[in-house]
């Protein structure tokens, strides 16, 4: 086993920097948890919620009327995007 000897001031500076790093990591973790709170929906869920077909959902994507993320061949939708489209569709069909 090797022993490394460093000055007290250097050790305290290292500890201080480690604490700063730990607090930054905690802050980033809290921010990312906020984003993960909204559960993403798959296409089937969206079609069910909006009462539309998969083809209509594809058209909404093509026309950039709904935001989505694509993972491989699968499309995922944020609930707030779906709610926005739902409001737009209800306005359109209620007039």
PDB file of N, CA and C in Angstrom:
ATOM      1  N   UNK A   1       0.840  -1.169   0.000  1.00  0.00           N
ATOM      2  CA  UNK A   1       0.000   0.000   0.000  1.00  0.00           C
ATOM      3  C   UNK A   1       0.888   1.235   0.000  1.00  0.00           C
ATOM      4  N   UNK A   2       0.493   2.209  -0.865  1.00  0.00           N
ATOM      5  CA  UNK A   2       1.251   3.453  -0.946  1.00  0.00           C
ATOM      6  C   UNK A   2       0.595   4.510  -0.080  1.00  0.00           C
ATOM      7  N   UNK A   3       1.395   5.359   0.475  1.00  0.00           N
ATOM      8  CA  UNK A   3       0.897   6.458   1.288  1.00  0.00           C
ATOM      9  C   UNK A   3       1.307   7.755   0.611  1.00  0.00           C
ATOM     10  N   UNK A   4       0.329   8.633   0.448  1.00  0.00           N
ATOM     11  CA  UNK A   4       0.584   9.924  -0.170  1.00  0.00           C
ATOM     12  C   UNK A   4       0.432  10.981   0.911  1.00  0.00           C
ATOM     13  N   UNK A   5       1.409  11.835   1.016  1.00  0.00           N
ATOM     14  CA  UNK A   5       1.389  12.887   2.021  1.00  0.00           C
ATOM     15  C   UNK A   5       1.237  14.224   1.294  1.00  0.00           C
ATOM     16  N   UNK A   6       0.229  15.008   1.744  1.00  0.00           N
ATOM     17  CA  UNK A   6       0.049  16.344   1.175  1.00  0.00           C
ATOM     18  C   UNK A   6      -0.105  17.345   2.311  1.00  0.00           C
ATOM     19  N   UNK A   7       0.123  18.599   1.985  1.00  0.00           N
ATOM     20  CA  UNK A   7       0.010  19.639   2.996  1.00  0.00           C
ATOM     21  C   UNK A   7      -1.447  19.807   3.415  1.00  0.00           C
ATOM     22  N   UNK A   8      -1.635  20.272   4.627  1.00  0.00           N
ATOM     23  CA  UNK A   8      -2.976  20.464   5.169  1.00  0.00           C
ATOM     24  C   UNK A   8      -3.775  21.439   4.312  1.00  0.00           C
ATOM     25  N   UNK A   9      -3.157  22.516   3.882  1.00  0.00           N
ATOM     26  CA  UNK A   9      -3.839  23.530   3.074  1.00  0.00           C
ATOM     27  C   UNK A   9      -4.297  22.924   1.737  1.00  0.00           C
ATOM     28  N   UNK A  10      -3.486  22.125   1.124  1.00  0.00           N
ATOM     29  CA  UNK A  10      -3.840  21.463  -0.137  1.00  0.00           C
ATOM     30  C   UNK A  10      -4.996  20.503   0.083  1.00  0.00           C
ATOM     31  N   UNK A  11      -4.955  19.755   1.176  1.00  0.00           N
ATOM     32  CA  UNK A  11      -6.020  18.820   1.502  1.00  0.00           C
ATOM     33  C   UNK A  11      -7.342  19.559   1.727  1.00  0.00           C
ATOM     34  N   UNK A  12      -7.313  20.668   2.454  1.00  0.00           N
ATOM     35  CA  UNK A  12      -8.525  21.449   2.708  1.00  0.00           C
ATOM     36  C   UNK A  12      -9.084  22.046   1.425  1.00  0.00           C
ATOM     37  N   UNK A  13      -8.198  22.477   0.534  1.00  0.00           N
ATOM     38  CA  UNK A  13      -8.642  23.011  -0.756  1.00  0.00           C
ATOM     39  C   UNK A  13      -9.308  21.903  -1.581  1.00  0.00           C
ATOM     40  N   UNK A  14      -8.729  20.724  -1.545  1.00  0.00           N
ATOM     41  CA  UNK A  14      -9.302  19.574  -2.254  1.00  0.00           C
ATOM     42  C   UNK A  14     -10.683  19.231  -1.702  1.00  0.00           C
ATOM     43  N   UNK A  15     -10.830  19.222  -0.387  1.00  0.00           N
ATOM     44  CA  UNK A  15     -12.127  18.971   0.242  1.00  0.00           C
ATOM     45  C   UNK A  15     -13.158  20.025  -0.154  1.00  0.00           C
ATOM     46  N   UNK A  16     -12.748  21.278  -0.168  1.00  0.00           N
ATOM     47  CA  UNK A  16     -13.647  22.369  -0.536  1.00  0.00           C
ATOM     48  C   UNK A  16     -14.143  22.194  -1.976  1.00  0.00           C
ATOM     49  N   UNK A  17     -13.250  21.857  -2.874  1.00  0.00           N
ATOM     50  CA  UNK A  17     -13.629  21.662  -4.273  1.00  0.00           C
ATOM     51  C   UNK A  17     -14.540  20.451  -4.439  1.00  0.00           C
ATOM     52  N   UNK A  18     -14.296  19.411  -3.646  1.00  0.00           N
ATOM     53  CA  UNK A  18     -15.160  18.226  -3.696  1.00  0.00           C
ATOM     54  C   UNK A  18     -16.568  18.576  -3.201  1.00  0.00           C
ATOM     55  N   UNK A  19     -16.677  19.405  -2.170  1.00  0.00           N
ATOM     56  CA  UNK A  19     -17.984  19.823  -1.669  1.00  0.00           C
ATOM     57  C   UNK A  19     -18.728  20.649  -2.724  1.00  0.00           C
ATOM     58  N   UNK A  20     -18.014  21.538  -3.410  1.00  0.00           N
ATOM     59  CA  UNK A  20     -18.623  22.334  -4.470  1.00  0.00           C
ATOM     60  C   UNK A  20     -19.130  21.428  -5.601  1.00  0.00           C
ATOM     61  N   UNK A  21     -18.338  20.461  -5.963  1.00  0.00           N
ATOM     62  CA  UNK A  21     -18.733  19.517  -7.008  1.00  0.00           C
ATOM     63  C   UNK A  21     -19.969  18.728  -6.583  1.00  0.00           C
ATOM     64  N   UNK A  22     -19.984  18.279  -5.339  1.00  0.00           N
ATOM     65  CA  UNK A  22     -21.127  17.523  -4.830  1.00  0.00           C
ATOM     66  C   UNK A  22     -22.391  18.371  -4.840  1.00  0.00           C
ATOM     67  N   UNK A  23     -22.291  19.641  -4.477  1.00  0.00           N
ATOM     68  CA  UNK A  23     -23.479  20.500  -4.481  1.00  0.00           C
ATOM     69  C   UNK A  23     -23.958  20.768  -5.900  1.00  0.00           C
ATOM     70  N   UNK A  24     -23.053  20.883  -6.859  1.00  0.00           N
ATOM     71  CA  UNK A  24     -23.458  21.051  -8.264  1.00  0.00           C
ATOM     72  C   UNK A  24     -24.166  19.803  -8.781  1.00  0.00           C
ATOM     73  N   UNK A  25     -23.661  18.640  -8.428  1.00  0.00           N
ATOM     74  CA  UNK A  25     -24.284  17.385  -8.844  1.00  0.00           C
ATOM     75  C   UNK A  25     -25.692  17.277  -8.250  1.00  0.00           C
ATOM     76  N   UNK A  26     -25.851  17.645  -6.985  1.00  0.00           N
ATOM     77  CA  UNK A  26     -27.168  17.618  -6.346  1.00  0.00           C
ATOM     78  C   UNK A  26     -28.140  18.561  -7.045  1.00  0.00           C
ATOM     79  N   UNK A  27     -27.672  19.747  -7.417  1.00  0.00           N
ATOM     80  CA  UNK A  27     -28.512  20.713  -8.115  1.00  0.00           C
ATOM     81  C   UNK A  27     -28.957  20.155  -9.467  1.00  0.00           C
ATOM     82  N   UNK A  28     -28.039  19.588 -10.213  1.00  0.00           N
ATOM     83  CA  UNK A  28     -28.375  18.992 -11.508  1.00  0.00           C
ATOM     84  C   UNK A  28     -29.343  17.828 -11.351  1.00  0.00           C
ATOM     85  N   UNK A  29     -29.158  17.051 -10.303  1.00  0.00           N
ATOM     86  CA  UNK A  29     -30.054  15.923 -10.048  1.00  0.00           C
ATOM     87  C   UNK A  29     -31.475  16.420  -9.779  1.00  0.00           C
ATOM     88  N   UNK A  30     -31.595  17.480  -8.971  1.00  0.00           N
ATOM     89  CA  UNK A  30     -32.923  18.035  -8.693  1.00  0.00           C
ATOM     90  C   UNK A  30     -33.584  18.566  -9.959  1.00  0.00           C
ATOM     91  N   UNK A  31     -32.819  19.234 -10.810  1.00  0.00           N
ATOM     92  CA  UNK A  31     -33.366  19.755 -12.060  1.00  0.00           C
ATOM     93  C   UNK A  31     -33.826  18.625 -12.970  1.00  0.00           C
ATOM     94  N   UNK A  32     -33.048  17.561 -13.048  1.00  0.00           N
ATOM     95  CA  UNK A  32     -33.416  16.453 -13.930  1.00  0.00           C
ATOM     96  C   UNK A  32     -34.620  15.693 -13.390  1.00  0.00           C
ATOM     97  N   UNK A  33     -34.795  15.631 -12.076  1.00  0.00           N
ATOM     98  CA  UNK A  33     -35.973  14.980 -11.501  1.00  0.00           C
ATOM     99  C   UNK A  33     -37.232  15.726 -11.896  1.00  0.00           C
ATOM    100  N   UNK A  34     -37.168  17.052 -11.949  1.00  0.00           N
ATOM    101  CA  UNK A  34     -38.312  17.846 -12.364  1.00  0.00           C
ATOM    102  C   UNK A  34     -38.731  17.474 -13.779  1.00  0.00           C
ATOM    103  N   UNK A  35     -37.771  17.249 -14.654  1.00  0.00           N
ATOM    104  CA  UNK A  35     -38.080  16.884 -16.034  1.00  0.00           C
ATOM    105  C   UNK A  35     -38.642  15.478 -16.127  1.00  0.00           C
ATOM    106  N   UNK A  36     -38.155  14.583 -15.275  1.00  0.00           N
ATOM    107  CA  UNK A  36     -38.610  13.195 -15.334  1.00  0.00           C
ATOM    108  C   UNK A  36     -40.001  13.009 -14.740  1.00  0.00           C
ATOM    109  N   UNK A  37     -40.492  14.009 -14.016  1.00  0.00           N
ATOM    110  CA  UNK A  37     -41.796  13.869 -13.387  1.00  0.00           C
ATOM    111  C   UNK A  37     -42.907  13.683 -14.418  1.00  0.00           C
ATOM    112  N   UNK A  38     -42.759  14.355 -15.557  1.00  0.00           N
ATOM    113  CA  UNK A  38     -43.786  14.180 -16.578  1.00  0.00           C
ATOM    114  C   UNK A  38     -43.477  12.900 -17.351  1.00  0.00           C
ATOM    115  N   UNK A  39     -44.355  11.942 -17.222  1.00  0.00           N
ATOM    116  CA  UNK A  39     -44.163  10.635 -17.853  1.00  0.00           C
ATOM    117  C   UNK A  39     -44.479  10.739 -19.341  1.00  0.00           C
ATOM    118  N   UNK A  40     -43.614  10.219 -20.166  1.00  0.00           N
ATOM    119  CA  UNK A  40     -43.817  10.251 -21.601  1.00  0.00           C
ATOM    120  C   UNK A  40     -44.846   9.195 -21.993  1.00  0.00           C
ATOM    121  N   UNK A  41     -45.592   9.489 -23.035  1.00  0.00           N
ATOM    122  CA  UNK A  41     -46.638   8.597 -23.522  1.00  0.00           C
ATOM    123  C   UNK A  41     -46.234   7.989 -24.860  1.00  0.00           C
ATOM    124  N   UNK A  42     -46.678   6.767 -25.117  1.00  0.00           N
ATOM    125  CA  UNK A  42     -46.421   6.174 -26.429  1.00  0.00           C
ATOM    126  C   UNK A  42     -47.563   6.534 -27.370  1.00  0.00           C
ATOM    127  N   UNK A  43     -47.424   6.181 -28.638  1.00  0.00           N
ATOM    128  CA  UNK A  43     -48.411   6.536 -29.647  1.00  0.00           C
ATOM    129  C   UNK A  43     -49.787   5.983 -29.359  1.00  0.00           C
ATOM    130  N   UNK A  44     -49.853   4.780 -28.867  1.00  0.00           N
ATOM    131  CA  UNK A  44     -51.140   4.155 -28.554  1.00  0.00           C
ATOM    132  C   UNK A  44     -51.884   4.952 -27.484  1.00  0.00           C
ATOM    133  N   UNK A  45     -51.151   5.358 -26.440  1.00  0.00           N
ATOM    134  CA  UNK A  45     -51.762   6.165 -25.378  1.00  0.00           C
ATOM    135  C   UNK A  45     -52.281   7.492 -25.918  1.00  0.00           C
ATOM    136  N   UNK A  46     -51.491   8.135 -26.784  1.00  0.00           N
ATOM    137  CA  UNK A  46     -51.873   9.428 -27.347  1.00  0.00           C
ATOM    138  C   UNK A  46     -53.124   9.285 -28.207  1.00  0.00           C
ATOM    139  N   UNK A  47     -53.159   8.260 -29.058  1.00  0.00           N
ATOM    140  CA  UNK A  47     -54.336   8.029 -29.903  1.00  0.00           C
ATOM    141  C   UNK A  47     -55.589   7.836 -29.052  1.00  0.00           C
ATOM    142  N   UNK A  48     -55.437   7.123 -27.971  1.00  0.00           N
ATOM    143  CA  UNK A  48     -56.561   6.873 -27.075  1.00  0.00           C
ATOM    144  C   UNK A  48     -57.028   8.170 -26.403  1.00  0.00           C
ATOM    145  N   UNK A  49     -56.077   8.963 -25.935  1.00  0.00           N
ATOM    146  CA  UNK A  49     -56.420  10.211 -25.255  1.00  0.00           C
ATOM    147  C   UNK A  49     -57.060  11.232 -26.191  1.00  0.00           C
ATOM    148  N   UNK A  50     -56.583  11.276 -27.441  1.00  0.00           N
ATOM    149  CA  UNK A  50     -57.084  12.260 -28.390  1.00  0.00           C
ATOM    150  C   UNK A  50     -58.233  11.737 -29.249  1.00  0.00           C
ATOM    151  N   UNK A  51     -58.511  10.445 -29.118  1.00  0.00           N
ATOM    152  CA  UNK A  51     -59.553   9.803 -29.932  1.00  0.00           C
ATOM    153  C   UNK A  51     -59.253   9.960 -31.420  1.00  0.00           C
ATOM    154  N   UNK A  52     -58.018   9.632 -31.788  1.00  0.00           N
ATOM    155  CA  UNK A  52     -57.591   9.715 -33.183  1.00  0.00           C
ATOM    156  C   UNK A  52     -56.934   8.407 -33.584  1.00  0.00           C
ATOM    157  N   UNK A  53     -56.751   8.233 -34.878  1.00  0.00           N
ATOM    158  CA  UNK A  53     -56.082   7.026 -35.378  1.00  0.00           C
ATOM    159  C   UNK A  53     -54.572   7.239 -35.392  1.00  0.00           C
ATOM    160  N   UNK A  54     -53.846   6.140 -35.577  1.00  0.00           N
ATOM    161  CA  UNK A  54     -52.380   6.232 -35.663  1.00  0.00           C
ATOM    162  C   UNK A  54     -51.970   7.054 -36.876  1.00  0.00           C
ATOM    163  N   UNK A  55     -52.735   6.947 -37.951  1.00  0.00           N
ATOM    164  CA  UNK A  55     -52.436   7.716 -39.168  1.00  0.00           C
ATOM    165  C   UNK A  55     -52.604   9.214 -38.916  1.00  0.00           C
ATOM    166  N   UNK A  56     -53.624   9.595 -38.165  1.00  0.00           N
ATOM    167  CA  UNK A  56     -53.827  11.003 -37.832  1.00  0.00           C
ATOM    168  C   UNK A  56     -52.689  11.507 -36.956  1.00  0.00           C
ATOM    169  N   UNK A  57     -52.241  10.676 -36.042  1.00  0.00           N
ATOM    170  CA  UNK A  57     -51.108  11.044 -35.193  1.00  0.00           C
ATOM    171  C   UNK A  57     -49.858  11.245 -36.040  1.00  0.00           C
ATOM    172  N   UNK A  58     -49.673  10.383 -37.024  1.00  0.00           N
ATOM    173  CA  UNK A  58     -48.526  10.520 -37.931  1.00  0.00           C
ATOM    174  C   UNK A  58     -48.624  11.836 -38.700  1.00  0.00           C
ATOM    175  N   UNK A  59     -49.825  12.195 -39.117  1.00  0.00           N
ATOM    176  CA  UNK A  59     -50.028  13.468 -39.827  1.00  0.00           C
ATOM    177  C   UNK A  59     -49.704  14.646 -38.917  1.00  0.00           C
ATOM    178  N   UNK A  60     -50.135  14.583 -37.664  1.00  0.00           N
ATOM    179  CA  UNK A  60     -49.811  15.648 -36.710  1.00  0.00           C
ATOM    180  C   UNK A  60     -48.301  15.804 -36.551  1.00  0.00           C
ATOM    181  N   UNK A  61     -47.591  14.677 -36.503  1.00  0.00           N
ATOM    182  CA  UNK A  61     -46.121  14.739 -36.423  1.00  0.00           C
ATOM    183  C   UNK A  61     -45.543  15.369 -37.678  1.00  0.00           C
ATOM    184  N   UNK A  62     -46.010  14.936 -38.837  1.00  0.00           N
ATOM    185  CA  UNK A  62     -45.483  15.435 -40.115  1.00  0.00           C
ATOM    186  C   UNK A  62     -45.714  16.930 -40.275  1.00  0.00           C
ATOM    187  N   UNK A  63     -46.845  17.417 -39.773  1.00  0.00           N
ATOM    188  CA  UNK A  63     -47.175  18.839 -39.865  1.00  0.00           C
ATOM    189  C   UNK A  63     -46.591  19.653 -38.707  1.00  0.00           C
ATOM    190  N   UNK A  64     -45.824  18.981 -37.847  1.00  0.00           N
ATOM    191  CA  UNK A  64     -45.199  19.623 -36.676  1.00  0.00           C
ATOM    192  C   UNK A  64     -46.250  20.243 -35.749  1.00  0.00           C
ATOM    193  N   UNK A  65     -47.389  19.575 -35.618  1.00  0.00           N
ATOM    194  CA  UNK A  65     -48.448  20.047 -34.735  1.00  0.00           C
ATOM    195  C   UNK A  65     -48.329  19.451 -33.342  1.00  0.00           C
ATOM    196  N   UNK A  66     -47.486  18.433 -33.194  1.00  0.00           N
ATOM    197  CA  UNK A  66     -47.259  17.820 -31.890  1.00  0.00           C
ATOM    198  C   UNK A  66     -45.773  17.510 -31.755  1.00  0.00           C
ATOM    199  N   UNK A  67     -45.237  17.844 -30.599  1.00  0.00           N
ATOM    200  CA  UNK A  67     -43.833  17.554 -30.335  1.00  0.00           C
ATOM    201  C   UNK A  67     -43.661  16.107 -29.916  1.00  0.00           C
ATOM    202  N   UNK A  68     -42.516  15.544 -30.226  1.00  0.00           N
ATOM    203  CA  UNK A  68     -42.260  14.147 -29.894  1.00  0.00           C
ATOM    204  C   UNK A  68     -40.757  13.893 -29.826  1.00  0.00           C
ATOM    205  N   UNK A  69     -40.406  12.764 -29.287  1.00  0.00           N
ATOM    206  CA  UNK A  69     -39.030  12.281 -29.299  1.00  0.00           C
ATOM    207  C   UNK A  69     -39.059  10.910 -29.951  1.00  0.00           C
ATOM    208  N   UNK A  70     -38.061  10.633 -30.755  1.00  0.00           N
ATOM    209  CA  UNK A  70     -37.996   9.334 -31.417  1.00  0.00           C
ATOM    210  C   UNK A  70     -36.821   8.552 -30.853  1.00  0.00           C
ATOM    211  N   UNK A  71     -37.129   7.356 -30.384  1.00  0.00           N
ATOM    212  CA  UNK A  71     -36.105   6.458 -29.858  1.00  0.00           C
ATOM    213  C   UNK A  71     -36.169   5.202 -30.707  1.00  0.00           C
ATOM    214  N   UNK A  72     -35.206   5.066 -31.599  1.00  0.00           N
ATOM    215  CA  UNK A  72     -35.257   3.961 -32.552  1.00  0.00           C
ATOM    216  C   UNK A  72     -36.443   4.168 -33.470  1.00  0.00           C
ATOM    217  N   UNK A  73     -37.347   3.201 -33.508  1.00  0.00           N
ATOM    218  CA  UNK A  73     -38.546   3.307 -34.333  1.00  0.00           C
ATOM    219  C   UNK A  73     -39.771   3.710 -33.516  1.00  0.00           C
ATOM    220  N   UNK A  74     -39.554   4.050 -32.266  1.00  0.00           N
ATOM    221  CA  UNK A  74     -40.672   4.351 -31.364  1.00  0.00           C
ATOM    222  C   UNK A  74     -40.762   5.858 -31.123  1.00  0.00           C
ATOM    223  N   UNK A  75     -41.992   6.384 -31.185  1.00  0.00           N
ATOM    224  CA  UNK A  75     -42.237   7.794 -30.931  1.00  0.00           C
ATOM    225  C   UNK A  75     -42.827   7.949 -29.536  1.00  0.00           C
ATOM    226  N   UNK A  76     -42.317   8.935 -28.805  1.00  0.00           N
ATOM    227  CA  UNK A  76     -42.784   9.201 -27.448  1.00  0.00           C
ATOM    228  C   UNK A  76     -43.227  10.657 -27.361  1.00  0.00           C
ATOM    229  N   UNK A  77     -44.255  10.901 -26.547  1.00  0.00           N
ATOM    230  CA  UNK A  77     -44.872  12.217 -26.464  1.00  0.00           C
ATOM    231  C   UNK A  77     -44.983  12.660 -25.009  1.00  0.00           C
ATOM    232  N   UNK A  78     -44.712  13.948 -24.770  1.00  0.00           N
ATOM    233  CA  UNK A  78     -44.864  14.491 -23.428  1.00  0.00           C
ATOM    234  C   UNK A  78     -46.328  14.797 -23.170  1.00  0.00           C
ATOM    235  N   UNK A  79     -46.809  14.559 -21.965  1.00  0.00           N
ATOM    236  CA  UNK A  79     -48.218  14.827 -21.645  1.00  0.00           C
ATOM    237  C   UNK A  79     -48.645  16.271 -21.915  1.00  0.00           C
ATOM    238  N   UNK A  80     -47.755  17.242 -21.670  1.00  0.00           N
ATOM    239  CA  UNK A  80     -48.132  18.637 -21.916  1.00  0.00           C
ATOM    240  C   UNK A  80     -48.343  18.910 -23.401  1.00  0.00           C
ATOM    241  N   UNK A  81     -47.574  18.239 -24.277  1.00  0.00           N
ATOM    242  CA  UNK A  81     -47.774  18.376 -25.727  1.00  0.00           C
ATOM    243  C   UNK A  81     -49.126  17.810 -26.127  1.00  0.00           C
ATOM    244  N   UNK A  82     -49.464  16.665 -25.566  1.00  0.00           N
ATOM    245  CA  UNK A  82     -50.735  16.006 -25.883  1.00  0.00           C
ATOM    246  C   UNK A  82     -51.895  16.885 -25.415  1.00  0.00           C
ATOM    247  N   UNK A  83     -51.764  17.473 -24.240  1.00  0.00           N
ATOM    248  CA  UNK A  83     -52.815  18.340 -23.707  1.00  0.00           C
ATOM    249  C   UNK A  83     -53.008  19.560 -24.600  1.00  0.00           C
ATOM    250  N   UNK A  84     -51.926  20.122 -25.098  1.00  0.00           N
ATOM    251  CA  UNK A  84     -52.005  21.274 -25.989  1.00  0.00           C
ATOM    252  C   UNK A  84     -52.762  20.917 -27.269  1.00  0.00           C
ATOM    253  N   UNK A  85     -52.445  19.774 -27.866  1.00  0.00           N
ATOM    254  CA  UNK A  85     -53.127  19.332 -29.079  1.00  0.00           C
ATOM    255  C   UNK A  85     -54.591  19.041 -28.782  1.00  0.00           C
ATOM    256  N   UNK A  86     -54.861  18.484 -27.630  1.00  0.00           N
ATOM    257  CA  UNK A  86     -56.246  18.180 -27.242  1.00  0.00           C
ATOM    258  C   UNK A  86     -57.079  19.461 -27.190  1.00  0.00           C
ATOM    259  N   UNK A  87     -56.500  20.520 -26.618  1.00  0.00           N
ATOM    260  CA  UNK A  87     -57.198  21.810 -26.563  1.00  0.00           C
ATOM    261  C   UNK A  87     -57.428  22.363 -27.962  1.00  0.00           C
ATOM    262  N   UNK A  88     -56.411  22.257 -28.808  1.00  0.00           N
ATOM    263  CA  UNK A  88     -56.541  22.758 -30.176  1.00  0.00           C
ATOM    264  C   UNK A  88     -57.609  21.986 -30.941  1.00  0.00           C
ATOM    265  N   UNK A  89     -57.627  20.673 -30.776  1.00  0.00           N
ATOM    266  CA  UNK A  89     -58.630  19.853 -31.460  1.00  0.00           C
ATOM    267  C   UNK A  89     -60.032  20.158 -30.958  1.00  0.00           C
ATOM    268  N   UNK A  90     -60.189  20.349 -29.658  1.00  0.00           N
ATOM    269  CA  UNK A  90     -61.518  20.643 -29.114  1.00  0.00           C
ATOM    270  C   UNK A  90     -61.990  22.012 -29.591  1.00  0.00           C
ATOM    271  N   UNK A  91     -61.100  22.980 -29.716  1.00  0.00           N
ATOM    272  CA  UNK A  91     -61.459  24.293 -30.236  1.00  0.00           C
ATOM    273  C   UNK A  91     -61.896  24.175 -31.690  1.00  0.00           C
ATOM    274  N   UNK A  92     -61.158  23.396 -32.442  1.00  0.00           N
ATOM    275  CA  UNK A  92     -61.467  23.211 -33.866  1.00  0.00           C
ATOM    276  C   UNK A  92     -62.815  22.536 -34.058  1.00  0.00           C
ATOM    277  N   UNK A  93     -63.082  21.500 -33.318  1.00  0.00           N
ATOM    278  CA  UNK A  93     -64.312  20.733 -33.509  1.00  0.00           C
ATOM    279  C   UNK A  93     -65.526  21.358 -32.824  1.00  0.00           C
ATOM    280  N   UNK A  94     -65.303  22.245 -31.859  1.00  0.00           N
ATOM    281  CA  UNK A  94     -66.428  22.905 -31.179  1.00  0.00           C
ATOM    282  C   UNK A  94     -66.935  24.123 -31.945  1.00  0.00           C
ATOM    283  N   UNK A  95     -66.180  24.611 -32.900  1.00  0.00           N
ATOM    284  CA  UNK A  95     -66.603  25.792 -33.681  1.00  0.00           C
ATOM    285  C   UNK A  95     -67.423  25.393 -34.874  1.00  0.00           C
TER     286      UNK A  95
END
